[in-house]
Protein backbone atom coordinates (compact mmCIF):
# COMPACT_ATOMS: atom_id res chain seq x y z
CA MET A 1 146.56 116.58 -62.15
CA LYS A 2 143.77 116.00 -64.62
CA ILE A 3 141.08 118.62 -65.14
CA ALA A 4 137.97 118.16 -67.31
CA ILE A 5 135.89 120.85 -68.98
CA VAL A 6 132.47 120.08 -70.36
CA GLN A 7 130.61 121.46 -73.38
CA LEU A 8 126.95 121.31 -72.45
CA HIS A 9 123.56 122.09 -73.98
CA PRO A 10 121.59 123.10 -70.86
CA ILE A 11 117.83 122.64 -70.71
CA LYS A 12 116.37 126.15 -70.28
CA GLY A 13 115.38 126.78 -66.69
CA ASP A 14 115.21 123.10 -65.68
CA ILE A 15 117.64 122.63 -62.79
CA GLU A 16 116.58 119.06 -61.98
CA ARG A 17 117.07 117.74 -65.53
CA ASN A 18 120.31 119.66 -65.88
CA ILE A 19 121.57 118.03 -62.70
CA GLU A 20 121.00 114.66 -64.33
CA LYS A 21 122.95 115.77 -67.40
CA HIS A 22 125.78 117.04 -65.24
CA ILE A 23 126.03 113.75 -63.31
CA ASN A 24 126.32 111.78 -66.54
CA TRP A 25 129.30 113.91 -67.56
CA ILE A 26 130.86 113.69 -64.12
CA LYS A 27 130.73 109.91 -64.35
CA GLN A 28 132.70 110.12 -67.60
CA ALA A 29 135.25 112.36 -65.95
CA ILE A 30 135.61 109.90 -63.07
CA ASN A 31 136.31 107.15 -65.63
CA HIS A 32 139.20 109.30 -66.86
CA HIS A 33 140.52 109.54 -63.25
CA THR A 34 139.93 113.28 -63.30
CA ASP A 35 140.70 115.49 -60.29
CA MET A 36 138.37 118.35 -61.25
CA ILE A 37 135.46 118.95 -63.65
CA VAL A 38 133.93 122.28 -64.56
CA PHE A 39 130.83 123.22 -66.57
CA PRO A 40 129.87 126.34 -68.58
CA GLU A 41 128.46 129.57 -67.20
CA LEU A 42 125.06 129.11 -65.48
CA SER A 43 125.13 125.48 -66.62
CA LEU A 44 122.33 124.31 -64.26
CA THR A 45 119.80 126.83 -65.63
CA GLY A 46 121.18 127.78 -69.00
CA TYR A 47 122.34 131.35 -69.59
CA GLU A 48 118.93 133.00 -69.13
CA PRO A 49 119.20 136.38 -67.33
CA GLY A 50 115.44 136.91 -67.52
CA LEU A 51 114.87 133.78 -65.46
CA ALA A 52 117.66 134.36 -62.97
CA GLU A 53 115.55 135.93 -60.20
CA GLU A 54 113.05 133.08 -60.36
CA LEU A 55 115.69 130.35 -60.42
CA ALA A 56 118.28 131.82 -58.01
CA THR A 57 119.13 129.79 -54.94
CA ASP A 58 122.11 129.26 -52.63
CA GLN A 59 125.05 126.87 -52.42
CA ASN A 60 123.33 124.74 -49.80
CA ASP A 61 120.28 123.95 -51.92
CA SER A 62 119.47 120.31 -51.20
CA ARG A 63 119.07 119.61 -54.92
CA LEU A 64 122.85 119.95 -55.16
CA ASP A 65 123.60 117.32 -52.49
CA ASP A 66 124.36 114.61 -55.02
CA PHE A 67 127.30 116.64 -56.29
CA GLN A 68 128.79 116.71 -52.80
CA LYS A 69 128.25 112.97 -52.38
CA ILE A 70 129.95 112.24 -55.72
CA SER A 71 132.81 114.57 -54.80
CA ASP A 72 133.32 112.85 -51.45
CA LEU A 73 133.13 109.31 -52.81
CA ASN A 74 135.32 109.86 -55.86
CA ASN A 75 137.78 112.47 -54.68
CA ILE A 76 136.84 114.88 -57.45
CA VAL A 77 136.27 118.65 -57.40
CA ILE A 78 133.08 119.74 -59.20
CA GLY A 79 132.23 123.25 -60.44
CA VAL A 80 128.67 123.96 -61.64
CA GLY A 81 127.07 127.20 -62.80
CA LEU A 82 124.06 128.68 -61.02
CA PRO A 83 122.44 132.03 -60.17
CA ILE A 84 122.97 132.63 -56.46
CA LYS A 85 121.02 134.92 -54.12
CA SER A 86 122.87 137.49 -52.05
CA GLU A 87 121.95 140.47 -49.93
CA SER A 88 122.99 142.80 -52.76
CA GLY A 89 121.18 140.89 -55.54
CA ILE A 90 121.56 137.89 -57.85
CA LEU A 91 125.07 136.68 -58.64
CA ILE A 92 126.37 134.72 -61.64
CA SER A 93 128.17 131.98 -59.75
CA MET A 94 130.09 128.74 -59.82
CA VAL A 95 129.35 126.47 -56.86
CA ILE A 96 132.38 124.36 -56.08
CA PHE A 97 132.23 120.98 -54.35
CA GLN A 98 135.46 119.62 -52.87
CA PRO A 99 135.90 116.21 -51.19
CA ASN A 100 134.82 116.34 -47.55
CA LEU A 101 134.99 120.15 -47.44
CA GLN A 102 132.32 122.82 -47.14
CA ARG A 103 131.00 124.06 -50.45
CA GLN A 104 132.17 127.39 -51.67
CA THR A 105 130.89 129.75 -54.32
CA TYR A 106 132.79 131.92 -56.76
CA SER A 107 130.77 134.82 -58.25
CA LYS A 108 131.52 136.81 -61.37
CA GLN A 109 133.21 140.04 -60.37
CA GLN A 110 132.93 141.96 -63.67
CA LEU A 111 129.63 142.01 -65.52
CA HIS A 112 128.94 142.93 -69.11
CA SER A 113 126.74 146.02 -69.36
CA ASP A 114 123.79 143.90 -70.60
CA GLU A 115 123.94 141.80 -67.38
CA LYS A 116 123.76 144.64 -64.89
CA ARG A 117 119.95 144.85 -65.26
CA TYR A 118 119.67 141.34 -63.82
CA PHE A 119 122.76 140.67 -61.72
CA THR A 120 125.11 142.20 -59.21
CA GLU A 121 128.88 141.71 -59.14
CA GLY A 122 130.78 139.42 -56.82
CA ASN A 123 133.56 140.87 -54.73
CA LYS A 124 136.08 138.13 -54.08
CA GLN A 125 138.46 136.00 -56.12
CA ILE A 126 138.89 132.45 -54.89
CA ILE A 127 141.73 130.02 -55.62
CA VAL A 128 141.17 126.26 -55.65
CA THR A 129 144.25 124.18 -54.87
CA ILE A 130 144.44 120.62 -56.15
CA LYS A 131 147.64 118.55 -55.88
CA ASP A 132 149.54 121.75 -55.10
CA ILE A 133 148.31 123.45 -58.28
CA LYS A 134 146.47 126.74 -57.71
CA ILE A 135 143.48 127.21 -60.05
CA ALA A 136 141.67 130.53 -60.60
CA PRO A 137 138.09 130.36 -61.84
CA ALA A 138 136.77 133.10 -64.13
CA ILE A 139 133.28 133.57 -65.59
CA CYS A 140 132.88 134.74 -69.17
CA TYR A 141 133.13 138.56 -69.64
CA GLU A 142 135.62 139.07 -66.80
CA SER A 143 137.98 136.52 -68.35
CA LEU A 144 138.57 138.95 -71.20
CA GLN A 145 139.60 141.73 -68.80
CA ILE A 146 143.35 141.48 -68.21
CA GLU A 147 143.14 142.87 -64.69
CA HIS A 148 141.14 139.81 -63.62
CA LEU A 149 143.92 137.45 -64.64
CA GLN A 150 146.57 139.70 -63.17
CA LYS A 151 144.79 139.72 -59.83
CA ALA A 152 144.49 135.94 -59.92
CA ILE A 153 148.20 135.55 -60.69
CA GLY A 154 148.90 137.86 -57.78
CA LEU A 155 147.10 135.33 -55.60
CA GLY A 156 149.34 132.55 -56.93
CA ALA A 157 147.19 131.17 -59.75
CA GLU A 158 148.94 128.64 -61.98
CA LEU A 159 145.95 127.67 -64.17
CA TYR A 160 143.13 129.92 -65.48
CA LEU A 161 139.77 128.17 -65.73
CA THR A 162 137.07 130.02 -67.64
CA SER A 163 133.39 129.11 -67.60
CA VAL A 164 131.52 130.88 -70.38
CA ALA A 165 128.42 131.22 -72.58
CA LYS A 166 129.64 132.83 -75.80
CA SER A 167 128.37 133.52 -79.29
CA GLN A 168 130.54 133.13 -82.37
CA SER A 169 131.76 136.72 -82.15
CA GLY A 170 132.50 136.24 -78.46
CA VAL A 171 134.42 133.06 -79.09
CA LYS A 172 136.47 134.74 -81.80
CA LYS A 173 137.54 137.43 -79.34
CA ALA A 174 138.22 134.82 -76.64
CA PHE A 175 140.48 132.77 -78.89
CA ILE A 176 142.71 135.75 -79.62
CA HIS A 177 142.78 136.85 -75.99
CA PHE A 178 143.31 133.44 -74.36
CA GLN A 179 146.12 132.46 -76.73
CA LYS A 180 147.85 135.75 -76.00
CA ILE A 181 147.55 135.65 -72.21
CA ALA A 182 148.50 131.97 -71.97
CA SER A 183 151.74 132.73 -73.77
CA LYS A 184 152.47 136.09 -72.12
CA TYR A 185 151.83 134.92 -68.56
CA SER A 186 152.94 131.28 -69.01
CA ILE A 187 149.64 129.95 -67.70
CA PRO A 188 147.36 127.26 -69.16
CA VAL A 189 143.89 128.56 -70.06
CA LEU A 190 140.85 126.27 -70.15
CA MET A 191 137.54 127.54 -71.60
CA SER A 192 134.27 125.63 -71.08
CA ASN A 193 131.49 126.94 -73.36
CA SER A 194 127.87 125.87 -73.81
CA ILE A 195 126.01 125.14 -77.03
CA GLY A 196 122.47 125.97 -78.14
CA PHE A 197 120.21 129.01 -78.00
CA CYS A 198 120.34 131.00 -74.77
CA ASP A 199 118.93 134.41 -73.90
CA ASN A 200 119.12 136.31 -77.20
CA PHE A 201 122.06 134.52 -78.91
CA GLU A 202 123.37 131.14 -79.96
CA SER A 203 126.18 129.73 -77.84
CA VAL A 204 128.63 128.05 -80.17
CA GLY A 205 130.77 125.71 -78.07
CA GLN A 206 134.35 125.27 -79.37
CA THR A 207 135.41 124.52 -75.82
CA SER A 208 139.20 124.77 -75.86
CA ILE A 209 142.46 124.37 -73.95
CA TRP A 210 145.70 126.33 -74.40
CA ASP A 211 148.91 125.31 -72.67
CA GLU A 212 151.31 127.71 -70.95
CA LYS A 213 152.97 128.47 -74.32
CA GLY A 214 149.70 129.54 -75.87
CA ILE A 215 149.46 126.40 -78.00
CA LEU A 216 145.94 125.14 -78.63
CA LYS A 217 145.98 121.60 -77.20
CA GLY A 218 142.38 120.55 -77.73
CA GLN A 219 139.05 121.86 -79.01
CA LEU A 220 135.49 120.59 -79.41
CA ASP A 221 133.15 121.43 -82.29
CA ASN A 222 130.40 124.06 -82.30
CA GLN A 223 127.32 121.83 -82.07
CA SER A 224 127.92 118.72 -79.93
CA GLU A 225 128.14 118.14 -76.21
CA GLY A 226 131.51 116.76 -75.13
CA ILE A 227 134.36 116.71 -72.68
CA LEU A 228 138.07 117.56 -72.75
CA VAL A 229 140.45 116.24 -70.12
CA TYR A 230 143.79 118.02 -69.70
CA ASP A 231 146.76 116.43 -67.90
CA THR A 232 148.87 119.21 -66.37
CA VAL A 233 151.92 116.89 -66.22
CA SER A 234 151.95 115.32 -69.67
CA LYS A 235 150.20 118.31 -71.32
CA LEU A 236 148.10 115.76 -73.22
CA ILE A 237 144.35 115.81 -73.85
CA ASN A 238 142.09 112.80 -73.42
């Protein structure tokens, strides 16, 4: 299986233009014969908690229909970041499009204290299975909490896929943590980060992939958009 993670500079609050940017990267992933592609945290709006209530929508928003069409036509799973409305409040979510299946949404279950003013926590872990490999999505802060990974492994997860928006200090902590857990739990860890100013900090990219031995297999820089494609069989990066 090939899985792509994108390093993106979202346009603040502009869902339509960000959709266009996403589709351009998805086309590149398709050219690599990729089975799944995932974008950073809140990739369709940028990480902007103050705008979340205004921008929040649901997984069936018609503006997202092109993602489903591309998924169906190209047999690719697509994960995009978006604030999602719920009865309990606004969720930090990843909407997942699978070929010829109903869309599903994974929502961040553990929030940083700064986020609780704007968001509410999700209450369910999902597992995405592609070519018999079980993939657990995680969103930023919760991916640094060991109990999140342990719960995912308990559900059969074989690959840990983290969608984040992290500053330099956040990335530094993530590198230490992800290398450690990849090695300890023998699970590949993929981290998709954004670049550019968001909320009250600078997101610094360095999108990275660790294999199940904790070895860093690929990494992007801290200032350019880009894509990494990981082959779970060959363990090579395109």
